[in-house]
């Protein structure tokens, strides 16, 4: 996987800046208590569904006690997304707005739990795709399904970037368009002359 074409979103760039500024450079640096403190939050384990309560000055992230470590981390980053991206009380919001906030928190969760800038250190370990997924799941302490979702997101963006790069190169360099090339394309697409 070549990450050189990966274009992070503004949110990813901002989050990467915050992480790096606070000494988070690799998966090993991603201590949940440290990350929570960066955003003026604390973590509590409790017997109920994961949720977050926050104000402008402080937040408390409740994580369900029955979740395993990987699921807790996944839930933590989702709840952190609400702190970083939202305001207001969901109990007083229309259902459509709640759904939007949940989608935004899920998107943020992908960036925050497994930042793309940290993946370079693992690329040399890729012997097979499934091994790569397992290595990342262990390094970031996340469920394999979550890692697969993030990698699919990254791969889709890389493919789009590659297509865009090829389009720009074709726009710049049209020397490959010869009479023979046009005939080949017409034959490929079944176009009669």
N, C-alpha and C. Protein backbone atom coordinates (compact mmCIF):
# COMPACT_ATOMS: atom_id res chain seq x y z
N UNK A 1 0.85 -1.17 0.00
CA UNK A 1 0.00 0.00 0.00
C UNK A 1 0.90 1.23 0.00
N UNK A 2 0.66 2.10 -0.97
CA UNK A 2 1.42 3.34 -1.08
C UNK A 2 0.53 4.49 -0.60
N UNK A 3 0.86 5.04 0.55
CA UNK A 3 0.05 6.11 1.13
C UNK A 3 0.41 7.49 0.61
N UNK A 4 1.35 7.58 -0.31
CA UNK A 4 1.79 8.90 -0.77
C UNK A 4 0.67 9.68 -1.47
N UNK A 5 -0.30 8.98 -2.03
CA UNK A 5 -1.42 9.67 -2.70
C UNK A 5 -2.59 9.96 -1.77
N UNK A 6 -2.52 9.46 -0.54
CA UNK A 6 -3.65 9.64 0.38
C UNK A 6 -3.81 11.10 0.75
N UNK A 7 -5.02 11.60 0.59
CA UNK A 7 -5.35 12.99 0.93
C UNK A 7 -6.26 12.98 2.15
N UNK A 8 -5.75 13.36 3.32
CA UNK A 8 -6.60 13.39 4.50
C UNK A 8 -7.64 14.50 4.40
N UNK A 9 -8.76 14.30 5.07
CA UNK A 9 -9.78 15.33 5.15
C UNK A 9 -9.29 16.43 6.10
N UNK A 10 -9.99 17.54 6.13
CA UNK A 10 -9.63 18.62 7.05
C UNK A 10 -9.69 18.13 8.50
N UNK A 11 -10.69 17.32 8.80
CA UNK A 11 -10.81 16.78 10.15
C UNK A 11 -9.61 15.90 10.48
N UNK A 12 -9.20 15.05 9.54
CA UNK A 12 -8.03 14.19 9.76
C UNK A 12 -6.77 15.03 9.96
N UNK A 13 -6.61 16.05 9.14
CA UNK A 13 -5.42 16.91 9.28
C UNK A 13 -5.41 17.60 10.65
N UNK A 14 -6.55 18.11 11.07
CA UNK A 14 -6.64 18.77 12.36
C UNK A 14 -6.33 17.79 13.49
N UNK A 15 -6.93 16.60 13.41
CA UNK A 15 -6.73 15.60 14.45
C UNK A 15 -5.27 15.13 14.49
N UNK A 16 -4.66 14.95 13.33
CA UNK A 16 -3.24 14.56 13.27
C UNK A 16 -2.37 15.64 13.90
N UNK A 17 -2.70 16.89 13.65
CA UNK A 17 -1.95 18.00 14.26
C UNK A 17 -2.07 17.94 15.78
N UNK A 18 -3.30 17.76 16.28
CA UNK A 18 -3.53 17.70 17.73
C UNK A 18 -2.78 16.51 18.33
N UNK A 19 -2.88 15.35 17.70
CA UNK A 19 -2.19 14.16 18.20
C UNK A 19 -0.68 14.40 18.27
N UNK A 20 -0.11 14.84 17.17
CA UNK A 20 1.35 15.04 17.12
C UNK A 20 1.80 16.10 18.13
N UNK A 21 1.04 17.17 18.23
CA UNK A 21 1.35 18.23 19.18
C UNK A 21 1.40 17.69 20.61
N UNK A 22 0.62 16.66 20.87
CA UNK A 22 0.54 16.07 22.21
C UNK A 22 1.32 14.76 22.33
N UNK A 23 2.28 14.55 21.43
CA UNK A 23 3.19 13.40 21.54
C UNK A 23 2.64 12.07 21.08
N UNK A 24 1.60 12.09 20.28
CA UNK A 24 1.03 10.84 19.78
C UNK A 24 1.50 10.65 18.34
N UNK A 25 2.53 9.85 18.19
CA UNK A 25 3.16 9.67 16.88
C UNK A 25 2.98 8.25 16.32
N UNK A 26 2.65 7.31 17.18
CA UNK A 26 2.50 5.92 16.73
C UNK A 26 1.36 5.26 17.48
N UNK A 27 0.99 4.07 17.05
CA UNK A 27 -0.09 3.33 17.69
C UNK A 27 0.22 3.09 19.17
N UNK A 28 1.47 2.88 19.50
CA UNK A 28 1.88 2.64 20.89
C UNK A 28 1.63 3.86 21.78
N UNK A 29 1.53 5.03 21.19
CA UNK A 29 1.31 6.27 21.96
C UNK A 29 -0.17 6.54 22.24
N UNK A 30 -1.05 5.71 21.71
CA UNK A 30 -2.48 6.01 21.77
C UNK A 30 -3.14 5.51 23.06
N UNK A 31 -2.72 6.06 24.15
CA UNK A 31 -3.29 5.76 25.46
C UNK A 31 -4.62 6.52 25.59
N UNK A 32 -5.68 5.81 25.91
CA UNK A 32 -7.01 6.43 25.95
C UNK A 32 -7.11 7.53 26.99
N UNK A 33 -6.52 7.33 28.16
CA UNK A 33 -6.59 8.37 29.19
C UNK A 33 -5.87 9.64 28.72
N UNK A 34 -4.75 9.46 28.04
CA UNK A 34 -4.01 10.63 27.52
C UNK A 34 -4.83 11.36 26.46
N UNK A 35 -5.41 10.60 25.55
CA UNK A 35 -6.23 11.21 24.49
C UNK A 35 -7.44 11.90 25.10
N UNK A 36 -8.08 11.26 26.07
CA UNK A 36 -9.22 11.89 26.75
C UNK A 36 -8.80 13.21 27.39
N UNK A 37 -7.65 13.22 28.06
CA UNK A 37 -7.17 14.43 28.73
C UNK A 37 -6.92 15.56 27.74
N UNK A 38 -6.44 15.23 26.55
CA UNK A 38 -6.21 16.26 25.52
C UNK A 38 -7.50 17.02 25.25
N UNK A 39 -8.61 16.31 25.27
CA UNK A 39 -9.91 16.92 24.96
C UNK A 39 -10.71 17.22 26.23
N UNK A 40 -10.01 17.35 27.36
CA UNK A 40 -10.62 17.68 28.65
C UNK A 40 -11.74 16.71 29.01
N UNK A 41 -11.43 15.44 28.94
CA UNK A 41 -12.41 14.41 29.25
C UNK A 41 -11.80 13.38 30.20
N UNK A 42 -12.67 12.64 30.84
CA UNK A 42 -12.28 11.52 31.68
C UNK A 42 -13.09 10.30 31.25
N UNK A 43 -12.56 9.13 31.55
CA UNK A 43 -13.22 7.88 31.19
C UNK A 43 -13.69 7.19 32.46
N UNK A 44 -14.92 6.69 32.42
CA UNK A 44 -15.49 5.89 33.50
C UNK A 44 -16.01 4.60 32.89
N UNK A 45 -15.74 3.49 33.55
CA UNK A 45 -16.31 2.20 33.15
C UNK A 45 -17.57 2.01 33.99
N UNK A 46 -18.67 1.67 33.35
CA UNK A 46 -19.92 1.50 34.10
C UNK A 46 -20.75 0.38 33.48
N UNK A 47 -21.80 -0.08 34.16
CA UNK A 47 -22.54 -1.26 33.70
C UNK A 47 -23.60 -1.00 32.64
N UNK A 48 -23.62 0.19 32.08
CA UNK A 48 -24.65 0.53 31.10
C UNK A 48 -24.01 0.82 29.74
N UNK A 49 -24.86 1.09 28.79
CA UNK A 49 -24.42 1.40 27.42
C UNK A 49 -23.42 2.57 27.40
N UNK A 50 -22.46 2.49 26.49
CA UNK A 50 -21.48 3.57 26.36
C UNK A 50 -22.17 4.86 25.94
N UNK A 51 -21.71 5.98 26.52
CA UNK A 51 -22.27 7.29 26.19
C UNK A 51 -21.30 8.35 26.67
N UNK A 52 -21.60 9.59 26.34
CA UNK A 52 -20.77 10.71 26.79
C UNK A 52 -21.68 11.83 27.26
N UNK A 53 -21.21 12.50 28.29
CA UNK A 53 -21.86 13.71 28.79
C UNK A 53 -20.79 14.78 28.80
N UNK A 54 -21.10 15.94 28.21
CA UNK A 54 -20.07 16.97 28.12
C UNK A 54 -20.65 18.37 28.15
N UNK A 55 -19.75 19.29 28.48
CA UNK A 55 -20.05 20.72 28.41
C UNK A 55 -18.86 21.35 27.70
N UNK A 56 -18.82 22.67 27.68
CA UNK A 56 -17.69 23.34 27.02
C UNK A 56 -16.37 23.11 27.73
N UNK A 57 -16.41 22.82 29.02
CA UNK A 57 -15.19 22.74 29.81
C UNK A 57 -14.75 21.33 30.18
N UNK A 58 -15.65 20.36 30.11
CA UNK A 58 -15.31 19.04 30.61
C UNK A 58 -16.24 17.99 30.00
N UNK A 59 -15.73 16.76 29.91
CA UNK A 59 -16.55 15.66 29.40
C UNK A 59 -16.28 14.40 30.21
N UNK A 60 -17.28 13.55 30.27
CA UNK A 60 -17.15 12.26 30.92
C UNK A 60 -17.62 11.20 29.93
N UNK A 61 -16.70 10.32 29.56
CA UNK A 61 -17.02 9.25 28.62
C UNK A 61 -17.26 7.99 29.43
N UNK A 62 -18.48 7.48 29.34
CA UNK A 62 -18.84 6.23 30.00
C UNK A 62 -18.68 5.09 29.01
N UNK A 63 -17.92 4.08 29.40
CA UNK A 63 -17.73 2.90 28.56
C UNK A 63 -18.31 1.68 29.27
N UNK A 64 -19.04 0.89 28.53
CA UNK A 64 -19.74 -0.28 29.06
C UNK A 64 -18.73 -1.30 29.61
N UNK A 65 -18.95 -1.74 30.83
CA UNK A 65 -18.03 -2.65 31.52
C UNK A 65 -17.95 -4.02 30.87
N UNK A 66 -18.99 -4.45 30.18
CA UNK A 66 -19.00 -5.79 29.60
C UNK A 66 -18.31 -5.88 28.23
N UNK A 67 -17.89 -4.75 27.70
CA UNK A 67 -17.18 -4.76 26.42
C UNK A 67 -15.74 -5.22 26.63
N UNK A 68 -15.18 -5.90 25.62
CA UNK A 68 -13.76 -6.25 25.72
C UNK A 68 -12.92 -5.00 25.40
N UNK A 69 -11.62 -5.11 25.58
CA UNK A 69 -10.73 -3.95 25.44
C UNK A 69 -10.85 -3.31 24.06
N UNK A 70 -10.91 -4.14 23.01
CA UNK A 70 -11.00 -3.62 21.64
C UNK A 70 -12.31 -2.87 21.42
N UNK A 71 -13.41 -3.43 21.92
CA UNK A 71 -14.71 -2.78 21.77
C UNK A 71 -14.78 -1.48 22.57
N UNK A 72 -14.15 -1.47 23.74
CA UNK A 72 -14.12 -0.23 24.53
C UNK A 72 -13.39 0.87 23.78
N UNK A 73 -12.25 0.51 23.18
CA UNK A 73 -11.50 1.52 22.42
C UNK A 73 -12.35 2.04 21.25
N UNK A 74 -13.00 1.13 20.56
CA UNK A 74 -13.87 1.53 19.44
C UNK A 74 -14.96 2.48 19.94
N UNK A 75 -15.61 2.14 21.04
CA UNK A 75 -16.66 2.99 21.62
C UNK A 75 -16.09 4.32 22.09
N UNK A 76 -14.90 4.30 22.69
CA UNK A 76 -14.27 5.53 23.17
C UNK A 76 -14.14 6.55 22.03
N UNK A 77 -13.60 6.11 20.90
CA UNK A 77 -13.37 7.05 19.80
C UNK A 77 -14.68 7.56 19.19
N UNK A 78 -15.72 6.75 19.24
CA UNK A 78 -17.03 7.22 18.78
C UNK A 78 -17.54 8.32 19.71
N UNK A 79 -17.48 8.06 21.01
CA UNK A 79 -17.96 9.07 21.97
C UNK A 79 -17.09 10.32 21.93
N UNK A 80 -15.80 10.16 21.71
CA UNK A 80 -14.91 11.31 21.56
C UNK A 80 -15.36 12.18 20.37
N UNK A 81 -15.83 11.54 19.32
CA UNK A 81 -16.34 12.27 18.16
C UNK A 81 -17.47 13.22 18.52
N UNK A 82 -18.32 12.80 19.45
CA UNK A 82 -19.41 13.68 19.88
C UNK A 82 -18.85 14.90 20.62
N UNK A 83 -17.84 14.68 21.46
CA UNK A 83 -17.23 15.79 22.20
C UNK A 83 -16.63 16.80 21.24
N UNK A 84 -15.88 16.30 20.27
CA UNK A 84 -15.12 17.16 19.35
C UNK A 84 -16.02 17.85 18.34
N UNK A 85 -17.05 17.17 17.87
CA UNK A 85 -17.81 17.69 16.73
C UNK A 85 -19.18 18.26 17.06
N UNK A 86 -19.72 18.01 18.25
CA UNK A 86 -21.12 18.34 18.47
C UNK A 86 -21.37 19.21 19.69
N UNK A 87 -22.55 19.79 19.70
CA UNK A 87 -23.03 20.51 20.88
C UNK A 87 -24.51 20.17 21.01
N UNK A 88 -25.04 20.39 22.18
CA UNK A 88 -26.46 20.13 22.38
C UNK A 88 -26.72 18.78 23.01
N UNK A 89 -27.98 18.57 23.35
CA UNK A 89 -28.44 17.37 24.02
C UNK A 89 -29.29 16.57 23.05
N UNK A 90 -28.87 15.35 22.74
CA UNK A 90 -29.60 14.54 21.76
C UNK A 90 -31.02 14.22 22.19
N UNK A 91 -31.30 14.28 23.49
CA UNK A 91 -32.67 14.01 23.95
C UNK A 91 -33.65 15.08 23.50
N UNK A 92 -33.11 16.23 23.07
CA UNK A 92 -33.98 17.34 22.66
C UNK A 92 -33.89 17.60 21.16
N UNK A 93 -33.34 16.66 20.41
CA UNK A 93 -33.12 16.88 18.98
C UNK A 93 -34.05 16.02 18.14
N UNK A 94 -34.35 16.48 16.92
CA UNK A 94 -35.12 15.64 15.99
C UNK A 94 -34.31 14.39 15.62
N UNK A 95 -35.00 13.34 15.30
CA UNK A 95 -34.36 12.05 14.98
C UNK A 95 -33.36 12.17 13.83
N UNK A 96 -33.70 12.93 12.82
CA UNK A 96 -32.79 13.10 11.67
C UNK A 96 -31.48 13.75 12.09
N UNK A 97 -31.54 14.70 12.99
CA UNK A 97 -30.33 15.37 13.46
C UNK A 97 -29.48 14.43 14.31
N UNK A 98 -30.14 13.60 15.11
CA UNK A 98 -29.43 12.60 15.90
C UNK A 98 -28.70 11.63 14.97
N UNK A 99 -29.37 11.18 13.93
CA UNK A 99 -28.76 10.27 12.96
C UNK A 99 -27.54 10.91 12.30
N UNK A 100 -27.65 12.20 11.95
CA UNK A 100 -26.52 12.91 11.36
C UNK A 100 -25.35 12.94 12.34
N UNK A 101 -25.62 13.26 13.59
CA UNK A 101 -24.54 13.30 14.58
C UNK A 101 -23.90 11.92 14.76
N UNK A 102 -24.69 10.87 14.73
CA UNK A 102 -24.15 9.52 14.88
C UNK A 102 -23.25 9.17 13.68
N UNK A 103 -23.66 9.56 12.49
CA UNK A 103 -22.83 9.33 11.30
C UNK A 103 -21.53 10.11 11.38
N UNK A 104 -21.60 11.36 11.82
CA UNK A 104 -20.40 12.17 11.96
C UNK A 104 -19.46 11.59 13.02
N UNK A 105 -20.00 11.12 14.13
CA UNK A 105 -19.17 10.51 15.18
C UNK A 105 -18.53 9.22 14.67
N UNK A 106 -19.27 8.46 13.88
CA UNK A 106 -18.71 7.22 13.31
C UNK A 106 -17.58 7.52 12.33
N UNK A 107 -17.71 8.59 11.57
CA UNK A 107 -16.65 9.00 10.64
C UNK A 107 -15.42 9.46 11.41
N UNK A 108 -15.64 10.30 12.41
CA UNK A 108 -14.55 10.78 13.25
C UNK A 108 -13.83 9.61 13.92
N UNK A 109 -14.61 8.65 14.37
CA UNK A 109 -14.09 7.47 15.04
C UNK A 109 -13.05 6.76 14.18
N UNK A 110 -13.29 6.65 12.90
CA UNK A 110 -12.34 5.99 12.00
C UNK A 110 -11.01 6.72 11.98
N UNK A 111 -11.07 8.04 11.85
CA UNK A 111 -9.85 8.85 11.80
C UNK A 111 -9.10 8.82 13.13
N UNK A 112 -9.85 8.95 14.22
CA UNK A 112 -9.23 9.08 15.54
C UNK A 112 -8.64 7.78 16.05
N UNK A 113 -9.27 6.67 15.77
CA UNK A 113 -8.82 5.38 16.29
C UNK A 113 -7.64 4.81 15.51
N UNK A 114 -7.55 5.15 14.22
CA UNK A 114 -6.50 4.59 13.37
C UNK A 114 -6.06 5.64 12.35
N UNK A 115 -5.30 6.65 12.82
CA UNK A 115 -4.88 7.72 11.91
C UNK A 115 -4.01 7.20 10.77
N UNK A 116 -4.28 7.68 9.58
CA UNK A 116 -3.54 7.22 8.39
C UNK A 116 -2.05 7.50 8.50
N UNK A 117 -1.67 8.60 9.14
CA UNK A 117 -0.24 8.92 9.21
C UNK A 117 0.55 7.90 10.03
N UNK A 118 -0.13 7.09 10.81
CA UNK A 118 0.55 6.08 11.62
C UNK A 118 0.73 4.75 10.89
N UNK A 119 0.14 4.60 9.73
CA UNK A 119 0.17 3.30 9.04
C UNK A 119 1.49 3.00 8.35
N UNK A 120 2.26 4.03 8.04
CA UNK A 120 3.53 3.81 7.35
C UNK A 120 4.45 2.83 8.07
N UNK A 121 4.44 2.87 9.40
CA UNK A 121 5.32 1.99 10.15
C UNK A 121 4.95 0.51 10.02
N UNK A 122 3.75 0.22 9.55
CA UNK A 122 3.30 -1.17 9.43
C UNK A 122 3.34 -1.72 8.02
N UNK A 123 3.50 -0.86 7.04
CA UNK A 123 3.41 -1.29 5.65
C UNK A 123 4.46 -2.33 5.30
N UNK A 124 5.64 -2.22 5.87
CA UNK A 124 6.70 -3.19 5.58
C UNK A 124 6.37 -4.59 6.08
N UNK A 125 5.40 -4.71 7.00
CA UNK A 125 5.01 -6.00 7.56
C UNK A 125 3.95 -6.72 6.72
N UNK A 126 3.58 -6.16 5.59
CA UNK A 126 2.48 -6.72 4.81
C UNK A 126 2.96 -7.93 4.00
N UNK A 127 2.52 -9.10 4.43
CA UNK A 127 2.80 -10.33 3.68
C UNK A 127 1.52 -10.79 2.98
N UNK A 128 0.42 -10.52 3.62
CA UNK A 128 -0.89 -10.78 3.03
C UNK A 128 -1.84 -9.74 3.62
N UNK A 129 -2.93 -9.53 2.93
CA UNK A 129 -3.88 -8.51 3.38
C UNK A 129 -4.46 -8.88 4.74
N UNK A 130 -4.83 -10.15 4.92
CA UNK A 130 -5.42 -10.56 6.21
C UNK A 130 -4.40 -10.44 7.34
N UNK A 131 -3.13 -10.71 7.06
CA UNK A 131 -2.09 -10.54 8.09
C UNK A 131 -1.94 -9.07 8.44
N UNK A 132 -2.01 -8.20 7.44
CA UNK A 132 -1.92 -6.76 7.66
C UNK A 132 -3.05 -6.28 8.56
N UNK A 133 -4.27 -6.76 8.27
CA UNK A 133 -5.42 -6.40 9.10
C UNK A 133 -5.22 -6.83 10.55
N UNK A 134 -4.71 -8.03 10.74
CA UNK A 134 -4.49 -8.55 12.10
C UNK A 134 -3.40 -7.76 12.81
N UNK A 135 -2.34 -7.42 12.11
CA UNK A 135 -1.26 -6.63 12.70
C UNK A 135 -1.80 -5.28 13.18
N UNK A 136 -2.60 -4.63 12.33
CA UNK A 136 -3.16 -3.33 12.70
C UNK A 136 -4.17 -3.46 13.84
N UNK A 137 -4.98 -4.51 13.82
CA UNK A 137 -5.95 -4.72 14.90
C UNK A 137 -5.23 -4.87 16.24
N UNK A 138 -4.13 -5.59 16.23
CA UNK A 138 -3.36 -5.76 17.47
C UNK A 138 -2.66 -4.47 17.87
N UNK A 139 -2.04 -3.79 16.92
CA UNK A 139 -1.28 -2.57 17.23
C UNK A 139 -2.19 -1.47 17.76
N UNK A 140 -3.36 -1.30 17.15
CA UNK A 140 -4.28 -0.25 17.56
C UNK A 140 -5.31 -0.74 18.58
N UNK A 141 -5.26 -2.04 18.89
CA UNK A 141 -6.17 -2.67 19.86
C UNK A 141 -7.62 -2.37 19.50
N UNK A 142 -7.98 -2.76 18.27
CA UNK A 142 -9.33 -2.52 17.74
C UNK A 142 -9.89 -3.81 17.16
N UNK A 143 -11.21 -3.95 17.09
CA UNK A 143 -11.81 -5.12 16.46
C UNK A 143 -11.42 -5.21 14.98
N UNK A 144 -11.23 -6.41 14.48
CA UNK A 144 -10.80 -6.62 13.09
C UNK A 144 -11.81 -5.99 12.11
N UNK A 145 -13.09 -6.07 12.40
CA UNK A 145 -14.10 -5.47 11.52
C UNK A 145 -13.94 -3.96 11.39
N UNK A 146 -13.59 -3.32 12.49
CA UNK A 146 -13.34 -1.88 12.47
C UNK A 146 -12.13 -1.56 11.62
N UNK A 147 -11.06 -2.32 11.80
CA UNK A 147 -9.83 -2.12 11.02
C UNK A 147 -10.12 -2.31 9.53
N UNK A 148 -10.90 -3.32 9.19
CA UNK A 148 -11.26 -3.55 7.80
C UNK A 148 -12.03 -2.37 7.22
N UNK A 149 -12.94 -1.82 8.00
CA UNK A 149 -13.71 -0.67 7.54
C UNK A 149 -12.80 0.53 7.27
N UNK A 150 -11.86 0.79 8.19
CA UNK A 150 -10.93 1.92 8.01
C UNK A 150 -10.03 1.68 6.81
N UNK A 151 -9.51 0.46 6.67
CA UNK A 151 -8.65 0.17 5.52
C UNK A 151 -9.41 0.29 4.20
N UNK A 152 -10.66 -0.14 4.18
CA UNK A 152 -11.48 0.03 2.97
C UNK A 152 -11.66 1.50 2.63
N UNK A 153 -11.88 2.32 3.65
CA UNK A 153 -12.01 3.76 3.43
C UNK A 153 -10.71 4.32 2.83
N UNK A 154 -9.59 3.94 3.39
CA UNK A 154 -8.29 4.42 2.91
C UNK A 154 -8.04 3.93 1.49
N UNK A 155 -8.31 2.66 1.23
CA UNK A 155 -8.09 2.10 -0.11
C UNK A 155 -8.98 2.79 -1.15
N UNK A 156 -10.22 3.07 -0.80
CA UNK A 156 -11.12 3.77 -1.72
C UNK A 156 -10.58 5.16 -2.06
N UNK A 157 -10.07 5.85 -1.06
CA UNK A 157 -9.51 7.18 -1.31
C UNK A 157 -8.23 7.10 -2.14
N UNK A 158 -7.44 6.08 -1.89
CA UNK A 158 -6.22 5.90 -2.69
C UNK A 158 -6.56 5.60 -4.15
N UNK A 159 -7.57 4.77 -4.37
CA UNK A 159 -7.99 4.47 -5.74
C UNK A 159 -8.50 5.73 -6.44
N UNK A 160 -9.30 6.53 -5.74
CA UNK A 160 -9.78 7.78 -6.33
C UNK A 160 -8.62 8.72 -6.64
N UNK A 161 -7.66 8.79 -5.73
CA UNK A 161 -6.50 9.65 -5.96
C UNK A 161 -5.69 9.16 -7.15
N UNK A 162 -5.55 7.84 -7.29
CA UNK A 162 -4.81 7.28 -8.42
C UNK A 162 -5.54 7.59 -9.73
N UNK A 163 -6.85 7.43 -9.75
CA UNK A 163 -7.62 7.76 -10.94
C UNK A 163 -7.51 9.23 -11.29
N UNK A 164 -7.55 10.09 -10.27
CA UNK A 164 -7.41 11.52 -10.49
C UNK A 164 -6.02 11.85 -11.04
N UNK A 165 -5.01 11.20 -10.50
CA UNK A 165 -3.63 11.41 -10.97
C UNK A 165 -3.51 11.01 -12.45
N UNK A 166 -4.07 9.84 -12.79
CA UNK A 166 -4.03 9.37 -14.18
C UNK A 166 -4.79 10.31 -15.10
N UNK A 167 -5.94 10.82 -14.64
CA UNK A 167 -6.72 11.76 -15.44
C UNK A 167 -5.91 13.03 -15.70
N UNK A 168 -5.26 13.54 -14.65
CA UNK A 168 -4.45 14.75 -14.81
C UNK A 168 -3.29 14.50 -15.76
N UNK A 169 -2.67 13.35 -15.66
CA UNK A 169 -1.55 13.03 -16.56
C UNK A 169 -2.03 12.93 -18.00
N UNK A 170 -3.21 12.33 -18.21
CA UNK A 170 -3.75 12.24 -19.57
C UNK A 170 -4.09 13.61 -20.11
N UNK A 171 -4.58 14.48 -19.25
CA UNK A 171 -4.93 15.84 -19.66
C UNK A 171 -3.68 16.59 -20.08
N UNK A 172 -2.61 16.37 -19.38
CA UNK A 172 -1.36 17.04 -19.67
C UNK A 172 -0.66 16.42 -20.88
N UNK A 173 -0.60 15.10 -20.89
CA UNK A 173 0.13 14.40 -21.95
C UNK A 173 -0.86 13.67 -22.86
N UNK A 174 -1.11 14.21 -24.02
CA UNK A 174 -2.03 13.57 -24.97
C UNK A 174 -1.28 12.88 -26.10
N UNK A 175 0.03 12.73 -25.96
CA UNK A 175 0.84 12.14 -27.04
C UNK A 175 0.47 10.68 -27.30
N UNK A 176 -0.14 10.02 -26.34
CA UNK A 176 -0.52 8.61 -26.53
C UNK A 176 -1.73 8.46 -27.44
N UNK A 177 -2.44 9.55 -27.72
CA UNK A 177 -3.63 9.48 -28.57
C UNK A 177 -3.20 9.57 -30.02
N UNK A 178 -3.03 8.41 -30.60
CA UNK A 178 -2.65 8.29 -32.00
C UNK A 178 -3.82 7.70 -32.78
N UNK A 179 -3.70 7.65 -34.07
CA UNK A 179 -4.73 7.04 -34.90
C UNK A 179 -4.92 5.57 -34.50
N UNK A 180 -3.83 4.88 -34.25
CA UNK A 180 -3.90 3.47 -33.84
C UNK A 180 -4.61 3.33 -32.49
N UNK A 181 -4.32 4.23 -31.57
CA UNK A 181 -4.96 4.21 -30.25
C UNK A 181 -6.48 4.40 -30.39
N UNK A 182 -6.89 5.33 -31.25
CA UNK A 182 -8.31 5.58 -31.47
C UNK A 182 -8.98 4.35 -32.06
N UNK A 183 -8.31 3.69 -33.02
CA UNK A 183 -8.86 2.46 -33.60
C UNK A 183 -9.03 1.37 -32.54
N UNK A 184 -8.04 1.23 -31.67
CA UNK A 184 -8.12 0.23 -30.60
C UNK A 184 -9.28 0.52 -29.66
N UNK A 185 -9.46 1.77 -29.32
CA UNK A 185 -10.56 2.14 -28.42
C UNK A 185 -11.91 1.92 -29.09
N UNK A 186 -11.99 2.23 -30.38
CA UNK A 186 -13.25 2.00 -31.11
C UNK A 186 -13.56 0.51 -31.15
N UNK A 187 -12.55 -0.30 -31.36
CA UNK A 187 -12.75 -1.75 -31.39
C UNK A 187 -13.17 -2.26 -30.01
N UNK A 188 -12.52 -1.76 -28.98
CA UNK A 188 -12.83 -2.20 -27.61
C UNK A 188 -14.28 -1.87 -27.25
N UNK A 189 -14.75 -0.71 -27.66
CA UNK A 189 -16.10 -0.28 -27.29
C UNK A 189 -17.14 -0.62 -28.36
N UNK A 190 -16.71 -1.31 -29.42
CA UNK A 190 -17.65 -1.73 -30.47
C UNK A 190 -18.21 -0.60 -31.29
N UNK A 191 -17.43 0.42 -31.49
CA UNK A 191 -17.87 1.59 -32.25
C UNK A 191 -17.50 1.35 -33.72
N UNK A 192 -18.49 1.44 -34.59
CA UNK A 192 -18.27 1.27 -36.03
C UNK A 192 -17.85 2.60 -36.65
N UNK A 193 -16.94 2.52 -37.59
CA UNK A 193 -16.51 3.74 -38.29
C UNK A 193 -17.36 3.98 -39.49
